[in-house]
Amino acid sequence: MVDWIKRNKVLSFLILLVVSYFLYSKLVRPYFYLQRDFDVPMKSLSESSEGAGEVSMAEPMALRDAPFSNSSQKASSQGGMVIQNSSISLLVSDVRETGEKIVSYAKNVGGFMAQSSYSRPDESAFATITVRVPKSRFDEAMAYYRSLSIKVTNEMLIGEDVTEEYVNIEERLETLEKTKAKFEEILDQASEVEDILQVTRELTNLQYQIDALIGQKESIEKNVELTKITLYLSTDELSLPYTPDDKFRPNVVFKLAVRSLVKSLIGAGKALIWVGVYSVIWLPILVVIFLVRKRKGLRR
């Protein structure tokens, strides 16, 4: 073998390049991607934009204009206002079919889909779906979503009390409305053009602040009335974002090893195809090297 390598240095170098590329791209690099796929981060269930009362761009325009019940509008005086955000990880048999049922149910109970994404359809399918359902139907919705799964691997519910923020907004609105009424009285009595323009500017500024506060108030009411549920779906339990109870699980290690082996075999097959396709380049080179060496041998 050593003598053959010494006699065929160019060919040996090409073989070494092919083997090195195969080992790196098909064995080493997929390992890091494999680890990254299983490290699915949990998404934050108390987003600052909703806590601050800003209207989410994902919500439909029709919902922004929809009227809310008196119980929601008077919640600050009757009791605490809490924004509920929930997440649940489900092991399912069919990700796409389950996702469609989740969205359909949310619409049927008066909610809507805020976001959805599907990935790895050819391997262990994974999906993240965010829906909003009326707070009064939350328990019913969670029970239905659990029934769609083979196994519930993780579940979380987070509540954020926004009562103080809501009351502050109401108080600021009341103050601004009174100030606006005073300026309107001044405007009715003003006779000088300069005074009229100055008061009009103040009224415009006050109206801008009032509209902004009204938008924040309505957004809080909507977020309180509609609970956000984020669902993680997969056909493979290892792809779901949860931390296993046991630090060492042989069945998990076996699945990882089998998956790595399958990917390596697929990678080897792809590498052979690449080598075959590129044979139009390296095969003539080898033929030329062989003929040159044979000719030198004949001369000796």
Protein backbone atom coordinates (compact mmCIF):
# COMPACT_ATOMS: atom_id res chain seq x y z
CA MET A 1 0.00 0.00 0.00
CA VAL A 2 2.80 2.42 0.91
CA ASP A 3 4.64 1.68 -2.32
CA TRP A 4 1.45 2.20 -4.34
CA ILE A 5 0.87 5.55 -2.65
CA LYS A 6 4.42 6.63 -3.45
CA ARG A 7 3.97 5.65 -7.08
CA ASN A 8 0.55 7.34 -7.39
CA LYS A 9 0.88 10.51 -5.36
CA VAL A 10 -1.64 12.54 -7.39
CA LEU A 11 -4.29 9.84 -7.28
CA SER A 12 -3.69 9.33 -3.56
CA PHE A 13 -4.07 13.06 -2.98
CA LEU A 14 -7.42 13.15 -4.83
CA ILE A 15 -8.72 10.15 -2.88
CA LEU A 16 -7.64 11.81 0.36
CA LEU A 17 -9.55 15.00 -0.59
CA VAL A 18 -12.73 13.05 -1.37
CA VAL A 19 -12.57 11.07 1.87
CA SER A 20 -11.84 14.20 3.95
CA TYR A 21 -14.76 16.07 2.40
CA PHE A 22 -17.07 13.13 3.03
CA LEU A 23 -16.02 12.77 6.67
CA TYR A 24 -16.50 16.48 7.36
CA SER A 25 -19.70 17.21 5.47
CA LYS A 26 -21.50 13.93 6.14
CA LEU A 27 -20.39 12.98 9.64
CA VAL A 28 -19.06 16.00 11.52
CA ARG A 29 -21.21 18.86 10.25
CA PRO A 30 -24.59 17.00 10.48
CA TYR A 31 -23.86 16.36 14.16
CA PHE A 32 -23.93 20.06 14.95
CA TYR A 33 -27.10 20.58 12.91
CA LEU A 34 -28.67 17.62 14.68
CA GLN A 35 -27.93 19.16 18.05
CA ARG A 36 -29.29 22.49 16.89
CA ASP A 37 -32.56 20.91 15.68
CA PHE A 38 -33.24 19.39 19.08
CA ASP A 39 -32.47 22.58 20.97
CA VAL A 40 -35.77 24.30 20.16
CA PRO A 41 -36.01 27.33 22.41
CA MET A 42 -39.14 28.00 24.33
CA LYS A 43 -40.79 31.19 23.13
CA SER A 44 -41.58 33.92 25.63
CA LEU A 45 -45.20 33.69 26.68
CA SER A 46 -45.44 37.30 28.06
CA GLU A 47 -44.42 39.58 25.18
CA SER A 48 -43.68 43.16 26.08
CA SER A 49 -45.73 44.54 23.20
CA GLU A 50 -48.93 43.00 24.55
CA GLY A 51 -48.06 43.89 28.15
CA ALA A 52 -47.58 47.52 27.13
CA GLY A 53 -50.95 47.51 25.43
CA GLU A 54 -49.78 47.89 21.85
CA VAL A 55 -51.93 46.39 19.13
CA SER A 56 -50.31 43.32 17.54
CA MET A 57 -49.85 43.54 13.78
CA ALA A 58 -50.78 39.89 13.50
CA GLU A 59 -54.32 40.58 14.69
CA PRO A 60 -56.91 41.15 11.96
CA MET A 61 -58.28 44.65 11.43
CA ALA A 62 -61.82 43.44 11.99
CA LEU A 63 -60.91 42.41 15.52
CA ARG A 64 -59.52 45.85 16.35
CA ASP A 65 -62.85 47.45 15.50
CA ALA A 66 -64.96 44.80 17.22
CA PRO A 67 -66.88 45.88 20.34
CA PHE A 68 -66.09 44.27 23.68
CA SER A 69 -68.38 43.18 26.45
CA ASN A 70 -69.18 45.47 29.37
CA SER A 71 -67.57 43.01 31.75
CA SER A 72 -64.24 43.48 29.94
CA GLN A 73 -64.51 47.28 29.83
CA LYS A 74 -65.37 47.54 33.54
CA ALA A 75 -62.89 44.92 34.73
CA SER A 76 -60.67 47.47 36.41
CA SER A 77 -63.43 48.44 38.84
CA GLN A 78 -64.89 44.96 39.35
CA GLY A 79 -61.64 43.03 39.77
CA GLY A 80 -58.13 42.39 38.49
CA MET A 81 -57.31 42.33 34.79
CA VAL A 82 -54.99 39.46 33.86
CA ILE A 83 -53.52 38.67 30.46
CA GLN A 84 -53.14 34.90 30.11
CA ASN A 85 -50.55 33.29 27.84
CA SER A 86 -50.29 29.52 27.56
CA SER A 87 -48.04 27.05 25.76
CA ILE A 88 -48.41 23.32 25.22
CA SER A 89 -46.22 20.71 23.49
CA LEU A 90 -48.05 17.86 21.77
CA LEU A 91 -46.78 14.62 20.28
CA VAL A 92 -49.12 13.92 17.33
CA SER A 93 -49.44 11.43 14.50
CA ASP A 94 -50.01 14.01 11.74
CA VAL A 95 -48.71 17.57 12.21
CA ARG A 96 -50.52 19.17 9.27
CA GLU A 97 -53.91 17.63 10.03
CA THR A 98 -53.68 18.47 13.73
CA GLY A 99 -52.65 22.05 12.93
CA GLU A 100 -55.69 22.54 10.72
CA LYS A 101 -57.98 21.22 13.48
CA ILE A 102 -56.41 23.61 16.00
CA VAL A 103 -56.95 26.66 13.80
CA SER A 104 -60.48 25.59 12.85
CA TYR A 105 -61.47 25.13 16.50
CA ALA A 106 -60.09 28.55 17.49
CA LYS A 107 -62.17 30.23 14.77
CA ASN A 108 -65.30 28.32 15.74
CA VAL A 109 -65.18 29.52 19.37
CA GLY A 110 -64.69 33.17 18.39
CA GLY A 111 -60.90 33.36 18.23
CA PHE A 112 -58.37 33.42 15.43
CA MET A 113 -54.93 32.22 14.35
CA ALA A 114 -52.13 34.69 15.10
CA GLN A 115 -49.21 32.74 13.62
CA SER A 116 -48.24 29.34 12.23
CA SER A 117 -45.09 27.75 10.86
CA TYR A 118 -44.25 24.24 9.64
CA SER A 119 -40.77 22.76 9.18
CA ARG A 120 -38.98 19.50 8.29
CA PRO A 121 -41.97 17.92 6.48
CA ASP A 122 -39.80 15.09 5.06
CA GLU A 123 -38.27 14.14 8.41
CA SER A 124 -39.75 14.54 11.89
CA ALA A 125 -42.37 17.19 11.08
CA PHE A 126 -42.56 20.13 13.49
CA ALA A 127 -44.99 23.05 13.74
CA THR A 128 -45.53 26.10 15.93
CA ILE A 129 -49.07 27.48 15.95
CA THR A 130 -50.28 30.47 17.95
CA VAL A 131 -54.02 31.03 18.38
CA ARG A 132 -56.19 33.31 20.47
CA VAL A 133 -59.40 32.07 22.06
CA PRO A 134 -61.92 33.80 24.35
CA LYS A 135 -60.88 33.61 27.98
CA SER A 136 -64.21 32.01 28.87
CA ARG A 137 -63.46 29.13 26.44
CA PHE A 138 -59.82 28.63 27.48
CA ASP A 139 -60.28 25.47 29.59
CA GLU A 140 -62.51 23.95 26.91
CA ALA A 141 -59.97 24.77 24.19
CA MET A 142 -57.05 23.27 26.13
CA ALA A 143 -59.02 20.09 26.78
CA TYR A 144 -59.77 19.77 23.07
CA TYR A 145 -56.16 20.39 22.05
CA ARG A 146 -54.95 17.75 24.51
CA SER A 147 -57.37 15.26 22.97
CA LEU A 148 -55.71 15.71 19.57
CA SER A 149 -52.36 14.44 20.84
CA ILE A 150 -50.79 11.08 21.48
CA LYS A 151 -48.97 12.58 24.44
CA VAL A 152 -48.72 15.98 26.14
CA THR A 153 -45.03 16.52 26.89
CA ASN A 154 -45.17 20.01 28.40
CA GLU A 155 -47.77 22.59 29.41
CA MET A 156 -47.44 26.09 30.84
CA LEU A 157 -49.75 28.96 31.78
CA ILE A 158 -48.51 32.46 32.61
CA GLY A 159 -50.67 35.30 33.88
CA GLU A 160 -49.74 38.98 33.79
CA ASP A 161 -51.68 41.41 35.99
CA VAL A 162 -52.27 44.66 34.06
CA THR A 163 -54.88 46.15 36.39
CA GLU A 164 -52.66 48.99 37.59
CA GLU A 165 -51.62 49.90 34.07
CA TYR A 166 -55.25 49.88 32.92
CA VAL A 167 -56.39 52.09 35.82
CA ASN A 168 -53.56 54.55 35.13
CA ILE A 169 -54.66 54.82 31.52
CA GLU A 170 -58.25 55.50 32.58
CA GLU A 171 -57.12 58.21 34.99
CA ARG A 172 -54.93 59.86 32.35
CA LEU A 173 -57.79 59.74 29.87
CA GLU A 174 -60.13 61.39 32.36
CA THR A 175 -57.60 64.18 33.00
CA LEU A 176 -57.00 64.76 29.29
CA GLU A 177 -60.73 64.84 28.56
CA LYS A 178 -61.27 67.50 31.24
CA THR A 179 -58.34 69.54 29.91
CA LYS A 180 -59.70 69.25 26.39
CA ALA A 181 -63.11 70.48 27.54
CA LYS A 182 -61.48 73.55 29.14
CA PHE A 183 -59.59 74.38 25.95
CA GLU A 184 -62.80 74.01 23.93
CA GLU A 185 -64.45 76.58 26.22
CA ILE A 186 -61.48 78.91 25.70
CA LEU A 187 -61.71 78.39 21.94
CA ASP A 188 -65.39 79.39 21.96
CA GLN A 189 -64.50 82.64 23.71
CA ALA A 190 -61.33 83.46 21.73
CA SER A 191 -61.53 86.28 19.20
CA GLU A 192 -57.91 86.88 18.20
CA VAL A 193 -56.52 84.76 15.34
CA GLU A 194 -53.30 84.07 17.22
CA ASP A 195 -55.22 82.84 20.27
CA ILE A 196 -57.42 80.63 18.12
CA LEU A 197 -54.40 79.06 16.41
CA GLN A 198 -52.61 78.44 19.70
CA VAL A 199 -55.66 76.83 21.33
CA THR A 200 -56.26 74.72 18.21
CA ARG A 201 -52.69 73.41 18.38
CA GLU A 202 -53.21 72.48 22.03
CA LEU A 203 -56.47 70.72 21.21
CA THR A 204 -54.78 68.78 18.40
CA ASN A 205 -52.00 67.65 20.74
CA LEU A 206 -54.51 66.65 23.41
CA GLN A 207 -56.58 64.66 20.92
CA TYR A 208 -53.43 62.84 19.75
CA GLN A 209 -52.65 61.79 23.34
CA ILE A 210 -56.26 60.76 23.94
CA ASP A 211 -56.35 58.59 20.81
CA ALA A 212 -53.08 56.90 21.80
CA LEU A 213 -54.36 56.09 25.27
CA ILE A 214 -57.66 54.81 23.90
CA GLY A 215 -55.72 52.48 21.60
CA GLN A 216 -53.66 51.16 24.53
CA LYS A 217 -56.79 50.69 26.63
CA GLU A 218 -58.64 48.77 23.91
CA SER A 219 -55.58 46.62 23.26
CA ILE A 220 -55.35 45.65 26.93
CA GLU A 221 -59.07 44.79 26.94
CA LYS A 222 -58.63 42.58 23.88
CA ASN A 223 -55.57 40.84 25.31
CA VAL A 224 -57.44 40.20 28.57
CA GLU A 225 -60.50 38.85 26.77
CA LEU A 226 -58.54 36.68 24.31
CA THR A 227 -56.03 34.21 25.74
CA LYS A 228 -52.99 33.40 23.62
CA ILE A 229 -52.14 29.72 23.23
CA THR A 230 -48.88 28.63 21.58
CA LEU A 231 -48.86 24.99 20.48
CA TYR A 232 -45.75 23.02 19.53
CA LEU A 233 -46.54 19.95 17.41
CA SER A 234 -44.27 17.14 16.25
CA THR A 235 -44.32 13.49 15.28
CA ASP A 236 -41.06 13.05 17.19
CA GLU A 237 -41.01 13.67 20.94
CA LEU A 238 -37.34 14.70 20.76
CA SER A 239 -38.20 17.67 18.54
CA LEU A 240 -40.56 19.22 21.09
CA PRO A 241 -39.28 22.06 23.30
CA TYR A 242 -39.16 20.50 26.72
CA THR A 243 -36.50 19.26 29.12
CA PRO A 244 -36.56 15.50 29.81
CA ASP A 245 -37.03 14.46 33.43
CA ASP A 246 -34.22 11.90 33.21
CA LYS A 247 -30.73 13.08 32.36
CA PHE A 248 -29.84 9.76 30.69
CA ARG A 249 -32.41 7.94 28.58
CA PRO A 250 -31.08 5.00 26.52
CA ASN A 251 -34.06 5.04 24.16
CA VAL A 252 -33.36 8.69 23.35
CA VAL A 253 -29.68 7.95 22.71
CA PHE A 254 -30.68 5.02 20.47
CA LYS A 255 -33.01 7.23 18.41
CA LEU A 256 -30.28 9.84 18.03
CA ALA A 257 -27.78 7.19 16.95
CA VAL A 258 -30.18 5.67 14.40
CA ARG A 259 -31.04 9.09 13.01
CA SER A 260 -27.34 9.96 12.75
CA LEU A 261 -26.62 6.63 11.00
CA VAL A 262 -29.42 7.16 8.48
CA LYS A 263 -28.21 10.68 7.71
CA SER A 264 -24.65 9.39 7.34
CA LEU A 265 -25.75 6.68 4.88
CA ILE A 266 -27.75 9.22 2.91
CA GLY A 267 -24.74 11.51 2.93
CA ALA A 268 -22.49 8.69 1.70
CA GLY A 269 -24.88 7.99 -1.16
CA LYS A 270 -24.93 11.66 -2.12
CA ALA A 271 -21.13 11.79 -1.95
CA LEU A 272 -20.85 8.82 -4.33
CA ILE A 273 -23.21 10.53 -6.75
CA TRP A 274 -21.09 13.68 -6.61
CA VAL A 275 -17.93 11.66 -7.23
CA GLY A 276 -19.61 9.95 -10.18
CA VAL A 277 -20.77 13.22 -11.69
CA TYR A 278 -17.35 14.81 -11.31
CA SER A 279 -15.71 11.75 -12.89
CA VAL A 280 -15.78 13.69 -16.17
CA ILE A 281 -13.03 15.81 -14.58
CA TRP A 282 -10.95 13.51 -12.42
CA LEU A 283 -11.18 10.37 -14.60
CA PRO A 284 -9.44 11.93 -17.64
CA ILE A 285 -6.79 13.30 -15.31
CA LEU A 286 -6.15 9.83 -13.93
CA VAL A 287 -6.00 8.40 -17.45
CA VAL A 288 -3.44 11.00 -18.48
CA ILE A 289 -1.35 10.33 -15.36
CA PHE A 290 -1.51 6.60 -16.03
CA LEU A 291 -0.42 7.01 -19.67
CA VAL A 292 2.42 9.35 -18.74
CA ARG A 293 3.71 6.96 -16.08
CA LYS A 294 3.40 4.01 -18.47
CA ARG A 295 5.32 5.89 -21.15
CA LYS A 296 8.10 6.75 -18.71
CA GLY A 297 8.26 3.13 -17.67
CA LEU A 298 8.67 2.00 -21.27
CA ARG A 299 11.52 4.45 -21.81
CA ARG A 300 13.39 3.03 -18.85
